[in-house]
């Protein structure tokens, strides 16, 4: 069994926050895959299902972000799993909006949800880091992460969540590079301009009308032709 834990804060107040992108990703996985209804256990909303033959427990902790590890750790111990069986999906300030990185182990980088997971589960779990961008100054971080995604963000957010859900099997298999390639999507080919149609050949009558007459400079017909064609 694998646990996929989205990190975020419970309640409608926080539902659209950048900090809740982990919850959003787990919701997308739930919609796309064959999972049961949400229920409450382990201090979390949970849903059980199967992806490519692998049993999966989806989790959205009810403990608020800073205590996420309490819920995930409880489920990990109940199912006798190890940190390697956990995938945490969370927001990442240090990545531009829409950028994704996969990492196993390492530090929490100041993310309180990861800090809690480290304390209750150990550090060797997989992290799916979803970029939300940095506001540029430390004092702006709080309002940024607890602010809602803008309408402009939906252009990358919805397709990204769909791609994560559709390809989560690769993430569970541990094929990180193939998973990342799927998230990149098809190349954005620019539309080539339509070729201009070839000019239609002019009719022999049109050509004759536009052709310059060959007017002799001297001879008995020269003066008459010059008057007719306006030369001279």
Protein backbone atom coordinates (compact mmCIF):
# COMPACT_ATOMS: atom_id res chain seq x y z
CA UNK A 1 0.00 0.00 0.00
CA UNK A 2 1.02 3.58 -0.67
CA UNK A 3 -0.17 6.74 1.04
CA UNK A 4 -0.63 9.89 -1.05
CA UNK A 5 -1.02 12.77 1.36
CA UNK A 6 -1.98 16.21 0.12
CA UNK A 7 -0.93 18.97 2.49
CA UNK A 8 -3.22 21.89 3.21
CA UNK A 9 -5.68 23.39 5.65
CA UNK A 10 -9.23 22.05 6.10
CA UNK A 11 -12.37 24.12 5.60
CA UNK A 12 -13.96 26.28 2.92
CA UNK A 13 -12.02 29.34 4.10
CA UNK A 14 -8.76 27.85 2.84
CA UNK A 15 -10.01 25.77 -0.09
CA UNK A 16 -8.71 28.08 -2.84
CA UNK A 17 -5.42 29.03 -1.13
CA UNK A 18 -2.06 28.47 -2.79
CA UNK A 19 -1.07 26.63 0.40
CA UNK A 20 -3.80 24.08 -0.40
CA UNK A 21 -2.51 22.94 -3.78
CA UNK A 22 -1.69 19.58 -2.18
CA UNK A 23 -5.35 19.08 -1.26
CA UNK A 24 -6.33 20.13 -4.80
CA UNK A 25 -4.00 17.54 -6.33
CA UNK A 26 -5.37 14.74 -4.14
CA UNK A 27 -8.93 15.79 -5.02
CA UNK A 28 -8.02 15.57 -8.72
CA UNK A 29 -6.56 12.08 -8.21
CA UNK A 30 -9.74 11.06 -6.41
CA UNK A 31 -11.91 12.31 -9.28
CA UNK A 32 -9.90 10.55 -11.98
CA UNK A 33 -9.27 7.23 -10.27
CA UNK A 34 -11.39 4.37 -8.91
CA UNK A 35 -11.56 5.50 -5.29
CA UNK A 36 -14.24 5.07 -2.68
CA UNK A 37 -16.07 7.93 -1.02
CA UNK A 38 -14.28 10.21 1.40
CA UNK A 39 -14.54 9.26 5.07
CA UNK A 40 -12.79 10.36 8.26
CA UNK A 41 -10.06 8.38 9.98
CA UNK A 42 -6.53 9.02 11.25
CA UNK A 43 -7.39 12.70 11.87
CA UNK A 44 -7.90 13.10 8.13
CA UNK A 45 -10.25 12.75 5.22
CA UNK A 46 -9.33 9.49 3.55
CA UNK A 47 -10.34 7.53 0.46
CA UNK A 48 -9.13 4.07 -0.50
CA UNK A 49 -8.64 2.78 -4.02
CA UNK A 50 -6.28 1.07 -6.40
CA UNK A 51 -4.02 2.45 -9.13
CA UNK A 52 -2.43 0.02 -11.59
CA UNK A 53 -2.77 -2.83 -9.11
CA UNK A 54 -1.33 -0.83 -6.19
CA UNK A 55 -3.54 -0.15 -3.15
CA UNK A 56 -3.57 3.55 -2.39
CA UNK A 57 -4.79 5.59 0.55
CA UNK A 58 -5.50 9.23 -0.25
CA UNK A 59 -5.24 11.58 2.72
CA UNK A 60 -6.15 15.19 3.46
CA UNK A 61 -5.20 15.84 7.11
CA UNK A 62 -7.77 17.63 9.26
CA UNK A 63 -5.06 18.76 11.66
CA UNK A 64 -4.17 21.95 9.76
CA UNK A 65 -0.88 22.26 7.88
CA UNK A 66 1.45 22.59 10.86
CA UNK A 67 0.36 19.23 12.32
CA UNK A 68 0.03 17.23 9.09
CA UNK A 69 2.48 14.61 10.33
CA UNK A 70 0.17 13.53 13.16
CA UNK A 71 -2.40 12.25 10.67
CA UNK A 72 0.01 10.74 8.14
CA UNK A 73 2.16 9.15 10.85
CA UNK A 74 -0.88 7.52 12.44
CA UNK A 75 -1.92 5.97 9.12
CA UNK A 76 1.65 4.87 8.37
CA UNK A 77 1.91 3.00 11.67
CA UNK A 78 -1.56 1.48 11.36
CA UNK A 79 -0.72 -0.10 8.00
CA UNK A 80 2.86 -0.90 9.09
CA UNK A 81 4.34 1.13 6.27
CA UNK A 82 7.67 2.89 5.99
CA UNK A 83 8.43 6.50 4.94
CA UNK A 84 9.28 5.12 1.47
CA UNK A 85 5.58 4.25 1.07
CA UNK A 86 4.49 7.88 1.50
CA UNK A 87 4.12 10.54 -1.18
CA UNK A 88 3.48 14.05 0.15
CA UNK A 89 2.14 16.64 -2.30
CA UNK A 90 2.73 20.22 -1.22
CA UNK A 91 3.17 23.83 -2.31
CA UNK A 92 6.68 25.09 -3.02
CA UNK A 93 7.61 28.77 -2.76
CA UNK A 94 11.03 28.25 -4.34
CA UNK A 95 9.59 27.06 -7.66
CA UNK A 96 7.89 29.30 -10.24
CA UNK A 97 4.13 28.83 -10.58
CA UNK A 98 3.31 25.58 -12.36
CA UNK A 99 6.81 24.10 -12.10
CA UNK A 100 7.07 20.65 -10.53
CA UNK A 101 9.91 18.76 -8.88
CA UNK A 102 10.16 15.35 -7.23
CA UNK A 103 12.41 14.81 -4.25
CA UNK A 104 13.00 12.03 -1.73
CA UNK A 105 14.24 12.99 1.72
CA UNK A 106 16.16 16.15 2.49
CA UNK A 107 15.27 19.18 4.55
CA UNK A 108 11.88 20.80 5.03
CA UNK A 109 13.00 24.21 3.70
CA UNK A 110 10.89 26.02 6.28
CA UNK A 111 7.65 24.33 5.18
CA UNK A 112 5.75 23.58 8.40
CA UNK A 113 3.80 20.70 6.88
CA UNK A 114 7.01 18.93 5.89
CA UNK A 115 8.55 19.74 9.27
CA UNK A 116 5.64 17.91 10.92
CA UNK A 117 5.96 14.92 8.57
CA UNK A 118 9.68 14.72 9.32
CA UNK A 119 8.92 14.57 13.05
CA UNK A 120 6.17 11.92 12.83
CA UNK A 121 7.18 9.81 9.82
CA UNK A 122 10.90 10.25 9.28
CA UNK A 123 12.48 12.10 6.36
CA UNK A 124 12.77 9.46 3.64
CA UNK A 125 9.38 9.98 2.04
CA UNK A 126 8.80 11.25 -1.50
CA UNK A 127 7.77 14.87 -1.98
CA UNK A 128 5.92 16.14 -5.05
CA UNK A 129 6.72 19.86 -4.97
CA UNK A 130 4.27 22.08 -6.83
CA UNK A 131 5.51 25.59 -7.50
CA UNK A 132 3.42 28.55 -6.40
CA UNK A 133 6.12 31.20 -6.85
CA UNK A 134 7.62 33.56 -4.27
CA UNK A 135 6.10 37.02 -3.68
CA UNK A 136 9.60 38.55 -3.58
CA UNK A 137 9.85 39.57 0.07
CA UNK A 138 9.73 37.56 3.30
CA UNK A 139 7.04 39.76 4.84
CA UNK A 140 4.72 39.00 1.90
CA UNK A 141 4.97 35.21 2.15
CA UNK A 142 2.17 34.71 4.68
CA UNK A 143 -0.44 36.55 2.61
CA UNK A 144 0.84 34.93 -0.57
CA UNK A 145 0.49 31.31 0.56
CA UNK A 146 -2.83 31.96 2.30
CA UNK A 147 -4.13 33.92 -0.67
CA UNK A 148 -6.29 32.30 -3.33
CA UNK A 149 -5.02 31.40 -6.77
CA UNK A 150 -5.90 34.12 -9.26
CA UNK A 151 -8.03 33.66 -12.37
CA UNK A 152 -4.86 33.88 -14.46
CA UNK A 153 -3.39 30.95 -12.50
CA UNK A 154 -6.18 28.67 -13.68
CA UNK A 155 -4.55 28.53 -17.12
CA UNK A 156 -1.76 26.34 -15.70
CA UNK A 157 -3.30 25.05 -12.47
CA UNK A 158 -6.21 23.00 -13.82
CA UNK A 159 -4.20 21.26 -16.58
CA UNK A 160 -1.40 20.51 -14.11
CA UNK A 161 -3.74 18.90 -11.60
CA UNK A 162 -5.35 16.83 -14.36
CA UNK A 163 -1.94 15.64 -15.59
CA UNK A 164 -0.89 14.65 -12.07
CA UNK A 165 -4.10 12.66 -11.64
CA UNK A 166 -3.86 10.93 -15.01
CA UNK A 167 -0.23 9.90 -14.52
CA UNK A 168 -0.11 9.19 -10.81
CA UNK A 169 0.57 5.51 -11.58
CA UNK A 170 4.04 6.48 -12.84
CA UNK A 171 4.66 8.37 -9.62
CA UNK A 172 3.68 5.31 -7.58
CA UNK A 173 6.00 3.11 -9.67
CA UNK A 174 8.87 5.44 -8.89
CA UNK A 175 9.42 6.43 -12.52
CA UNK A 176 9.94 10.10 -11.77
CA UNK A 177 11.45 11.09 -15.11
CA UNK A 178 8.62 9.56 -17.13
CA UNK A 179 6.07 11.14 -14.79
CA UNK A 180 7.69 14.56 -15.25
CA UNK A 181 7.68 14.15 -19.03
CA UNK A 182 3.95 13.50 -18.94
CA UNK A 183 3.40 16.69 -16.94
CA UNK A 184 5.28 18.70 -19.55
CA UNK A 185 2.55 17.86 -22.08
CA UNK A 186 2.78 18.16 -25.86
CA UNK A 187 5.14 20.68 -27.41
CA UNK A 188 3.58 24.07 -28.02
CA UNK A 189 3.98 24.28 -31.76
CA UNK A 190 3.27 27.67 -33.16
CA UNK A 191 0.72 27.67 -35.90
CA UNK A 192 2.43 28.06 -39.22
CA UNK A 193 0.99 30.71 -41.52
CA UNK A 194 -1.05 29.40 -44.40
CA UNK A 195 0.95 29.45 -47.64
CA UNK A 196 -0.23 32.09 -50.07
CA UNK A 197 -1.94 30.60 -53.12
CA UNK A 198 0.10 30.76 -56.31
CA UNK A 199 -0.87 33.61 -58.59
CA UNK A 200 -3.10 32.50 -61.42
CA UNK A 201 -1.44 32.74 -64.83
CA UNK A 202 -2.76 35.61 -66.85
CA UNK A 203 -4.72 34.85 -69.98
CA UNK A 204 -3.12 35.46 -73.36
CA UNK A 205 -5.62 38.30 -73.92
CA UNK A 206 -4.63 39.97 -70.62
CA UNK A 207 -0.98 39.48 -71.43
CA UNK A 208 -1.49 40.98 -74.86
CA UNK A 209 -3.28 44.01 -73.39
CA UNK A 210 -0.48 44.70 -70.91
CA UNK A 211 2.35 43.92 -73.32
CA UNK A 212 4.33 46.88 -74.51
CA UNK A 213 4.08 47.19 -78.30
CA UNK A 214 7.25 46.99 -80.28
CA UNK A 215 7.07 50.32 -82.09
CA UNK A 216 9.65 50.85 -84.81
CA UNK A 217 11.66 54.01 -84.51
CA UNK A 218 11.92 54.58 -88.25
CA UNK A 219 10.09 53.53 -91.36
CA UNK A 220 6.80 54.30 -93.06
CA UNK A 221 4.65 52.96 -90.18
CA UNK A 222 6.58 54.64 -87.35
CA UNK A 223 4.66 57.94 -87.21
CA UNK A 224 1.23 56.30 -87.37
CA UNK A 225 2.06 53.75 -84.66
CA UNK A 226 3.54 56.36 -82.41
CA UNK A 227 0.29 58.34 -82.56
CA UNK A 228 -1.79 55.21 -81.86
CA UNK A 229 0.21 54.09 -78.81
CA UNK A 230 1.07 57.46 -77.44
CA UNK A 231 4.78 57.33 -77.98
CA UNK A 232 6.73 60.28 -79.19
